[in-house]
Amino acid sequence: MAATVLIAPAEHLGGLQEQRGLKGAQAFADTDAHDALAVITQERPTLIALEREFASSRRGVALMNRIKADRALSTSEVRIVYSR
């Protein structure tokens, strides 16, 4: 079971996984958001972390809408994270 799922542009994944609270996250490049959604709906992670640029993109907004519409994910925290 994934306690944390991280979705970000590939070039930001490494740095984000080093941030406090994101170590050990199951990471997906933003281009693999469909795969990430499958894991999210199956495993219902405690935390879903979306990199800021991805979260504001059309695909990121669509993903957020799918997450919000799924009642089974109501206890999952969605957090916007920033790459440095």
PDB file of N, CA and C in Angstrom:
ATOM      1  N   MET A   1       0.840  -1.191   0.000  1.00  0.00           N
ATOM      2  CA  MET A   1       0.000   0.000   0.000  1.00  0.00           C
ATOM      3  C   MET A   1       0.875   1.241   0.000  1.00  0.00           C
ATOM      4  N   ALA A   2       0.552   2.173  -0.869  1.00  0.00           N
ATOM      5  CA  ALA A   2       1.296   3.428  -0.949  1.00  0.00           C
ATOM      6  C   ALA A   2       0.738   4.401   0.078  1.00  0.00           C
ATOM      7  N   ALA A   3       1.564   4.806   1.032  1.00  0.00           N
ATOM      8  CA  ALA A   3       1.130   5.802   2.011  1.00  0.00           C
ATOM      9  C   ALA A   3       1.121   7.186   1.384  1.00  0.00           C
ATOM     10  N   THR A   4       2.038   7.401   0.421  1.00  0.00           N
ATOM     11  CA  THR A   4       2.143   8.689  -0.260  1.00  0.00           C
ATOM     12  C   THR A   4       2.363   8.461  -1.743  1.00  0.00           C
ATOM     13  N   VAL A   5       1.634   9.206  -2.547  1.00  0.00           N
ATOM     14  CA  VAL A   5       1.829   9.214  -3.995  1.00  0.00           C
ATOM     15  C   VAL A   5       2.238  10.624  -4.381  1.00  0.00           C
ATOM     16  N   LEU A   6       3.299  10.715  -5.168  1.00  0.00           N
ATOM     17  CA  LEU A   6       3.835  11.992  -5.635  1.00  0.00           C
ATOM     18  C   LEU A   6       3.745  12.036  -7.151  1.00  0.00           C
ATOM     19  N   ILE A   7       3.222  13.139  -7.693  1.00  0.00           N
ATOM     20  CA  ILE A   7       3.143  13.331  -9.139  1.00  0.00           C
ATOM     21  C   ILE A   7       3.780  14.670  -9.460  1.00  0.00           C
ATOM     22  N   ALA A   8       4.762  14.633 -10.369  1.00  0.00           N
ATOM     23  CA  ALA A   8       5.502  15.850 -10.711  1.00  0.00           C
ATOM     24  C   ALA A   8       6.170  15.677 -12.067  1.00  0.00           C
ATOM     25  N   PRO A   9       6.593  16.782 -12.688  1.00  0.00           N
ATOM     26  CA  PRO A   9       7.406  16.649 -13.899  1.00  0.00           C
ATOM     27  C   PRO A   9       8.647  15.814 -13.572  1.00  0.00           C
ATOM     28  N   ALA A  10       9.053  14.980 -14.498  1.00  0.00           N
ATOM     29  CA  ALA A  10      10.161  14.041 -14.261  1.00  0.00           C
ATOM     30  C   ALA A  10      11.404  14.727 -13.710  1.00  0.00           C
ATOM     31  N   GLU A  11      11.703  15.910 -14.207  1.00  0.00           N
ATOM     32  CA  GLU A  11      12.926  16.593 -13.774  1.00  0.00           C
ATOM     33  C   GLU A  11      12.866  17.072 -12.321  1.00  0.00           C
ATOM     34  N   HIS A  12      11.693  17.078 -11.711  1.00  0.00           N
ATOM     35  CA  HIS A  12      11.559  17.528 -10.322  1.00  0.00           C
ATOM     36  C   HIS A  12      11.398  16.375  -9.325  1.00  0.00           C
ATOM     37  N   LEU A  13      11.186  15.168  -9.818  1.00  0.00           N
ATOM     38  CA  LEU A  13      10.901  14.054  -8.915  1.00  0.00           C
ATOM     39  C   LEU A  13      12.009  13.800  -7.903  1.00  0.00           C
ATOM     40  N   GLY A  14      13.253  13.756  -8.364  1.00  0.00           N
ATOM     41  CA  GLY A  14      14.367  13.448  -7.468  1.00  0.00           C
ATOM     42  C   GLY A  14      14.462  14.417  -6.308  1.00  0.00           C
ATOM     43  N   GLY A  15      14.406  15.684  -6.592  1.00  0.00           N
ATOM     44  CA  GLY A  15      14.491  16.697  -5.540  1.00  0.00           C
ATOM     45  C   GLY A  15      13.304  16.660  -4.595  1.00  0.00           C
ATOM     46  N   LEU A  16      12.131  16.451  -5.134  1.00  0.00           N
ATOM     47  CA  LEU A  16      10.939  16.413  -4.295  1.00  0.00           C
ATOM     48  C   LEU A  16      10.946  15.208  -3.363  1.00  0.00           C
ATOM     49  N   GLN A  17      11.467  14.085  -3.833  1.00  0.00           N
ATOM     50  CA  GLN A  17      11.499  12.892  -2.990  1.00  0.00           C
ATOM     51  C   GLN A  17      12.450  13.044  -1.809  1.00  0.00           C
ATOM     52  N   GLU A  18      13.295  14.053  -1.839  1.00  0.00           N
ATOM     53  CA  GLU A  18      14.200  14.301  -0.723  1.00  0.00           C
ATOM     54  C   GLU A  18      13.567  15.214   0.331  1.00  0.00           C
ATOM     55  N   GLN A  19      12.443  15.821   0.013  1.00  0.00           N
ATOM     56  CA  GLN A  19      11.798  16.725   0.960  1.00  0.00           C
ATOM     57  C   GLN A  19      11.166  15.955   2.104  1.00  0.00           C
ATOM     58  N   ARG A  20      11.131  16.588   3.244  1.00  0.00           N
ATOM     59  CA  ARG A  20      10.526  15.985   4.426  1.00  0.00           C
ATOM     60  C   ARG A  20       9.061  15.643   4.135  1.00  0.00           C
ATOM     61  N   GLY A  21       8.653  14.474   4.499  1.00  0.00           N
ATOM     62  CA  GLY A  21       7.285  14.033   4.286  1.00  0.00           C
ATOM     63  C   GLY A  21       7.056  13.339   2.952  1.00  0.00           C
ATOM     64  N   LEU A  22       8.037  13.414   2.037  1.00  0.00           N
ATOM     65  CA  LEU A  22       7.877  12.786   0.732  1.00  0.00           C
ATOM     66  C   LEU A  22       8.854  11.647   0.499  1.00  0.00           C
ATOM     67  N   LYS A  23       9.742  11.415   1.453  1.00  0.00           N
ATOM     68  CA  LYS A  23      10.682  10.299   1.309  1.00  0.00           C
ATOM     69  C   LYS A  23       9.903   8.991   1.304  1.00  0.00           C
ATOM     70  N   GLY A  24      10.232   8.140   0.383  1.00  0.00           N
ATOM     71  CA  GLY A  24       9.552   6.867   0.263  1.00  0.00           C
ATOM     72  C   GLY A  24       8.239   6.928  -0.500  1.00  0.00           C
ATOM     73  N   ALA A  25       7.920   8.093  -1.034  1.00  0.00           N
ATOM     74  CA  ALA A  25       6.676   8.229  -1.799  1.00  0.00           C
ATOM     75  C   ALA A  25       6.759   7.407  -3.083  1.00  0.00           C
ATOM     76  N   GLN A  26       5.638   6.869  -3.494  1.00  0.00           N
ATOM     77  CA  GLN A  26       5.566   6.218  -4.794  1.00  0.00           C
ATOM     78  C   GLN A  26       5.422   7.345  -5.808  1.00  0.00           C
ATOM     79  N   ALA A  27       6.445   7.532  -6.641  1.00  0.00           N
ATOM     80  CA  ALA A  27       6.517   8.701  -7.513  1.00  0.00           C
ATOM     81  C   ALA A  27       6.120   8.371  -8.946  1.00  0.00           C
ATOM     82  N   PHE A  28       5.444   9.324  -9.568  1.00  0.00           N
ATOM     83  CA  PHE A  28       5.043   9.223 -10.959  1.00  0.00           C
ATOM     84  C   PHE A  28       5.371  10.524 -11.667  1.00  0.00           C
ATOM     85  N   ALA A  29       5.895  10.411 -12.878  1.00  0.00           N
ATOM     86  CA  ALA A  29       6.081  11.598 -13.708  1.00  0.00           C
ATOM     87  C   ALA A  29       4.700  12.095 -14.114  1.00  0.00           C
ATOM     88  N   ASP A  30       4.584  13.390 -14.351  1.00  0.00           N
ATOM     89  CA  ASP A  30       3.291  13.951 -14.731  1.00  0.00           C
ATOM     90  C   ASP A  30       2.743  13.332 -16.010  1.00  0.00           C
ATOM     91  N   THR A  31       3.617  12.810 -16.839  1.00  0.00           N
ATOM     92  CA  THR A  31       3.183  12.153 -18.069  1.00  0.00           C
ATOM     93  C   THR A  31       2.538  10.794 -17.793  1.00  0.00           C
ATOM     94  N   ASP A  32       2.694  10.292 -16.583  1.00  0.00           N
ATOM     95  CA  ASP A  32       2.113   9.011 -16.176  1.00  0.00           C
ATOM     96  C   ASP A  32       0.963   9.191 -15.186  1.00  0.00           C
ATOM     97  N   ALA A  33       0.272  10.317 -15.285  1.00  0.00           N
ATOM     98  CA  ALA A  33      -0.805  10.627 -14.335  1.00  0.00           C
ATOM     99  C   ALA A  33      -1.908   9.569 -14.364  1.00  0.00           C
ATOM    100  N   HIS A  34      -2.152   8.976 -15.521  1.00  0.00           N
ATOM    101  CA  HIS A  34      -3.180   7.933 -15.611  1.00  0.00           C
ATOM    102  C   HIS A  34      -2.796   6.737 -14.740  1.00  0.00           C
ATOM    103  N   ASP A  35      -1.519   6.340 -14.789  1.00  0.00           N
ATOM    104  CA  ASP A  35      -1.042   5.236 -13.944  1.00  0.00           C
ATOM    105  C   ASP A  35      -1.123   5.618 -12.468  1.00  0.00           C
ATOM    106  N   ALA A  36      -0.790   6.869 -12.169  1.00  0.00           N
ATOM    107  CA  ALA A  36      -0.860   7.342 -10.789  1.00  0.00           C
ATOM    108  C   ALA A  36      -2.296   7.279 -10.279  1.00  0.00           C
ATOM    109  N   LEU A  37      -3.247   7.679 -11.112  1.00  0.00           N
ATOM    110  CA  LEU A  37      -4.653   7.640 -10.704  1.00  0.00           C
ATOM    111  C   LEU A  37      -5.093   6.210 -10.413  1.00  0.00           C
ATOM    112  N   ALA A  38      -4.628   5.253 -11.197  1.00  0.00           N
ATOM    113  CA  ALA A  38      -4.968   3.854 -10.951  1.00  0.00           C
ATOM    114  C   ALA A  38      -4.468   3.410  -9.578  1.00  0.00           C
ATOM    115  N   VAL A  39      -3.238   3.777  -9.239  1.00  0.00           N
ATOM    116  CA  VAL A  39      -2.677   3.427  -7.930  1.00  0.00           C
ATOM    117  C   VAL A  39      -3.442   4.143  -6.824  1.00  0.00           C
ATOM    118  N   ILE A  40      -3.754   5.409  -7.043  1.00  0.00           N
ATOM    119  CA  ILE A  40      -4.483   6.191  -6.037  1.00  0.00           C
ATOM    120  C   ILE A  40      -5.844   5.576  -5.749  1.00  0.00           C
ATOM    121  N   THR A  41      -6.587   5.216  -6.781  1.00  0.00           N
ATOM    122  CA  THR A  41      -7.926   4.665  -6.560  1.00  0.00           C
ATOM    123  C   THR A  41      -7.882   3.262  -5.954  1.00  0.00           C
ATOM    124  N   GLN A  42      -6.843   2.496  -6.264  1.00  0.00           N
ATOM    125  CA  GLN A  42      -6.729   1.146  -5.711  1.00  0.00           C
ATOM    126  C   GLN A  42      -6.203   1.158  -4.285  1.00  0.00           C
ATOM    127  N   GLU A  43      -5.198   1.989  -4.013  1.00  0.00           N
ATOM    128  CA  GLU A  43      -4.509   1.918  -2.727  1.00  0.00           C
ATOM    129  C   GLU A  43      -4.939   2.978  -1.721  1.00  0.00           C
ATOM    130  N   ARG A  44      -5.651   3.982  -2.168  1.00  0.00           N
ATOM    131  CA  ARG A  44      -6.144   5.048  -1.284  1.00  0.00           C
ATOM    132  C   ARG A  44      -5.058   5.574  -0.344  1.00  0.00           C
ATOM    133  N   PRO A  45      -4.060   6.243  -0.885  1.00  0.00           N
ATOM    134  CA  PRO A  45      -2.946   6.705  -0.052  1.00  0.00           C
ATOM    135  C   PRO A  45      -3.380   7.762   0.959  1.00  0.00           C
ATOM    136  N   THR A  46      -2.601   7.876   2.007  1.00  0.00           N
ATOM    137  CA  THR A  46      -2.848   8.885   3.029  1.00  0.00           C
ATOM    138  C   THR A  46      -2.604  10.277   2.467  1.00  0.00           C
ATOM    139  N   LEU A  47      -1.552  10.409   1.637  1.00  0.00           N
ATOM    140  CA  LEU A  47      -1.167  11.702   1.078  1.00  0.00           C
ATOM    141  C   LEU A  47      -0.992  11.590  -0.434  1.00  0.00           C
ATOM    142  N   ILE A  48      -1.567  12.537  -1.144  1.00  0.00           N
ATOM    143  CA  ILE A  48      -1.369  12.673  -2.584  1.00  0.00           C
ATOM    144  C   ILE A  48      -0.703  14.021  -2.786  1.00  0.00           C
ATOM    145  N   ALA A  49       0.555  14.005  -3.216  1.00  0.00           N
ATOM    146  CA  ALA A  49       1.330  15.238  -3.394  1.00  0.00           C
ATOM    147  C   ALA A  49       1.447  15.545  -4.881  1.00  0.00           C
ATOM    148  N   LEU A  50       1.030  16.750  -5.243  1.00  0.00           N
ATOM    149  CA  LEU A  50       1.091  17.194  -6.632  1.00  0.00           C
ATOM    150  C   LEU A  50       2.028  18.389  -6.725  1.00  0.00           C
ATOM    151  N   GLU A  51       2.981  18.308  -7.628  1.00  0.00           N
ATOM    152  CA  GLU A  51       3.898  19.436  -7.830  1.00  0.00           C
ATOM    153  C   GLU A  51       3.100  20.599  -8.399  1.00  0.00           C
ATOM    154  N   ARG A  52       3.425  21.795  -7.972  1.00  0.00           N
ATOM    155  CA  ARG A  52       2.678  23.014  -8.284  1.00  0.00           C
ATOM    156  C   ARG A  52       2.413  23.196  -9.772  1.00  0.00           C
ATOM    157  N   GLU A  53       3.436  23.027 -10.610  1.00  0.00           N
ATOM    158  CA  GLU A  53       3.257  23.211 -12.048  1.00  0.00           C
ATOM    159  C   GLU A  53       2.262  22.195 -12.612  1.00  0.00           C
ATOM    160  N   PHE A  54       2.388  20.956 -12.181  1.00  0.00           N
ATOM    161  CA  PHE A  54       1.463  19.931 -12.652  1.00  0.00           C
ATOM    162  C   PHE A  54       0.053  20.213 -12.150  1.00  0.00           C
ATOM    163  N   ALA A  55      -0.089  20.574 -10.882  1.00  0.00           N
ATOM    164  CA  ALA A  55      -1.406  20.805 -10.298  1.00  0.00           C
ATOM    165  C   ALA A  55      -2.171  21.901 -11.033  1.00  0.00           C
ATOM    166  N   SER A  56      -1.459  22.869 -11.584  1.00  0.00           N
ATOM    167  CA  SER A  56      -2.126  23.977 -12.276  1.00  0.00           C
ATOM    168  C   SER A  56      -2.324  23.712 -13.769  1.00  0.00           C
ATOM    169  N   SER A  57      -1.823  22.581 -14.252  1.00  0.00           N
ATOM    170  CA  SER A  57      -1.987  22.243 -15.668  1.00  0.00           C
ATOM    171  C   SER A  57      -3.385  21.655 -15.904  1.00  0.00           C
ATOM    172  N   ARG A  58      -3.774  21.566 -17.154  1.00  0.00           N
ATOM    173  CA  ARG A  58      -5.068  20.985 -17.501  1.00  0.00           C
ATOM    174  C   ARG A  58      -5.199  19.549 -16.990  1.00  0.00           C
ATOM    175  N   ARG A  59      -4.143  18.763 -17.163  1.00  0.00           N
ATOM    176  CA  ARG A  59      -4.177  17.371 -16.688  1.00  0.00           C
ATOM    177  C   ARG A  59      -4.221  17.303 -15.173  1.00  0.00           C
ATOM    178  N   GLY A  60      -3.498  18.212 -14.523  1.00  0.00           N
ATOM    179  CA  GLY A  60      -3.502  18.244 -13.065  1.00  0.00           C
ATOM    180  C   GLY A  60      -4.866  18.597 -12.501  1.00  0.00           C
ATOM    181  N   VAL A  61      -5.518  19.568 -13.113  1.00  0.00           N
ATOM    182  CA  VAL A  61      -6.858  19.959 -12.678  1.00  0.00           C
ATOM    183  C   VAL A  61      -7.837  18.802 -12.901  1.00  0.00           C
ATOM    184  N   ALA A  62      -7.722  18.131 -14.039  1.00  0.00           N
ATOM    185  CA  ALA A  62      -8.591  16.982 -14.318  1.00  0.00           C
ATOM    186  C   ALA A  62      -8.377  15.878 -13.285  1.00  0.00           C
ATOM    187  N   LEU A  63      -7.115  15.625 -12.930  1.00  0.00           N
ATOM    188  CA  LEU A  63      -6.811  14.609 -11.922  1.00  0.00           C
ATOM    189  C   LEU A  63      -7.413  15.002 -10.580  1.00  0.00           C
ATOM    190  N   MET A  64      -7.262  16.250 -10.191  1.00  0.00           N
ATOM    191  CA  MET A  64      -7.826  16.726  -8.926  1.00  0.00           C
ATOM    192  C   MET A  64      -9.341  16.543  -8.902  1.00  0.00           C
ATOM    193  N   ASN A  65      -9.987  16.845 -10.005  1.00  0.00           N
ATOM    194  CA  ASN A  65     -11.440  16.678 -10.079  1.00  0.00           C
ATOM    195  C   ASN A  65     -11.841  15.225  -9.906  1.00  0.00           C
ATOM    196  N   ARG A  66     -11.078  14.314 -10.501  1.00  0.00           N
ATOM    197  CA  ARG A  66     -11.363  12.872 -10.346  1.00  0.00           C
ATOM    198  C   ARG A  66     -11.173  12.440  -8.894  1.00  0.00           C
ATOM    199  N   ILE A  67     -10.115  12.942  -8.264  1.00  0.00           N
ATOM    200  CA  ILE A  67      -9.852  12.590  -6.862  1.00  0.00           C
ATOM    201  C   ILE A  67     -10.974  13.120  -5.969  1.00  0.00           C
ATOM    202  N   LYS A  68     -11.367  14.361  -6.175  1.00  0.00           N
ATOM    203  CA  LYS A  68     -12.422  14.967  -5.347  1.00  0.00           C
ATOM    204  C   LYS A  68     -13.764  14.262  -5.536  1.00  0.00           C
ATOM    205  N   ALA A  69     -14.014  13.742  -6.722  1.00  0.00           N
ATOM    206  CA  ALA A  69     -15.289  13.085  -7.008  1.00  0.00           C
ATOM    207  C   ALA A  69     -15.377  11.679  -6.421  1.00  0.00           C
ATOM    208  N   ASP A  70     -14.248  11.104  -6.049  1.00  0.00           N
ATOM    209  CA  ASP A  70     -14.209   9.733  -5.539  1.00  0.00           C
ATOM    210  C   ASP A  70     -14.368   9.751  -4.013  1.00  0.00           C
ATOM    211  N   ARG A  71     -15.522   9.354  -3.540  1.00  0.00           N
ATOM    212  CA  ARG A  71     -15.787   9.374  -2.093  1.00  0.00           C
ATOM    213  C   ARG A  71     -14.836   8.486  -1.303  1.00  0.00           C
ATOM    214  N   ALA A  72     -14.330   7.451  -1.940  1.00  0.00           N
ATOM    215  CA  ALA A  72     -13.400   6.546  -1.258  1.00  0.00           C
ATOM    216  C   ALA A  72     -12.087   7.240  -0.927  1.00  0.00           C
ATOM    217  N   LEU A  73     -11.823   8.369  -1.585  1.00  0.00           N
ATOM    218  CA  LEU A  73     -10.580   9.107  -1.343  1.00  0.00           C
ATOM    219  C   LEU A  73     -10.787  10.309  -0.416  1.00  0.00           C
ATOM    220  N   SER A  74     -11.929  10.390   0.206  1.00  0.00           N
ATOM    221  CA  SER A  74     -12.238  11.562   1.036  1.00  0.00           C
ATOM    222  C   SER A  74     -11.293  11.722   2.226  1.00  0.00           C
ATOM    223  N   THR A  75     -10.653  10.652   2.657  1.00  0.00           N
ATOM    224  CA  THR A  75      -9.722  10.764   3.783  1.00  0.00           C
ATOM    225  C   THR A  75      -8.278  11.011   3.327  1.00  0.00           C
ATOM    226  N   SER A  76      -8.038  10.976   2.028  1.00  0.00           N
ATOM    227  CA  SER A  76      -6.690  11.244   1.514  1.00  0.00           C
ATOM    228  C   SER A  76      -6.436  12.748   1.505  1.00  0.00           C
ATOM    229  N   GLU A  77      -5.286  13.136   2.006  1.00  0.00           N
ATOM    230  CA  GLU A  77      -4.894  14.547   1.968  1.00  0.00           C
ATOM    231  C   GLU A  77      -4.250  14.834   0.622  1.00  0.00           C
ATOM    232  N   VAL A  78      -4.663  15.920  -0.008  1.00  0.00           N
ATOM    233  CA  VAL A  78      -4.033  16.353  -1.255  1.00  0.00           C
ATOM    234  C   VAL A  78      -3.218  17.592  -0.911  1.00  0.00           C
ATOM    235  N   ARG A  79      -1.931  17.536  -1.257  1.00  0.00           N
ATOM    236  CA  ARG A  79      -1.018  18.633  -0.925  1.00  0.00           C
ATOM    237  C   ARG A  79      -0.299  19.093  -2.191  1.00  0.00           C
ATOM    238  N   ILE A  80      -0.208  20.398  -2.350  1.00  0.00           N
ATOM    239  CA  ILE A  80       0.568  20.975  -3.455  1.00  0.00           C
ATOM    240  C   ILE A  80       1.980  21.193  -2.911  1.00  0.00           C
ATOM    241  N   VAL A  81       2.971  20.682  -3.654  1.00  0.00           N
ATOM    242  CA  VAL A  81       4.365  20.803  -3.224  1.00  0.00           C
ATOM    243  C   VAL A  81       5.133  21.615  -4.262  1.00  0.00           C
ATOM    244  N   TYR A  82       6.200  22.224  -3.808  1.00  0.00           N
ATOM    245  CA  TYR A  82       7.013  23.100  -4.649  1.00  0.00           C
ATOM    246  C   TYR A  82       8.396  22.512  -4.841  1.00  0.00           C
ATOM    247  N   SER A  83       8.873  22.544  -6.057  1.00  0.00           N
ATOM    248  CA  SER A  83      10.243  22.100  -6.317  1.00  0.00           C
ATOM    249  C   SER A  83      11.170  23.282  -6.127  1.00  0.00           C
ATOM    250  N   ARG A  84      12.369  22.976  -5.699  1.00  0.00           N
ATOM    251  CA  ARG A  84      13.321  24.059  -5.427  1.00  0.00           C
ATOM    252  C   ARG A  84      14.343  24.159  -6.504  1.00  0.00           C
TER     253      ARG A  84
END
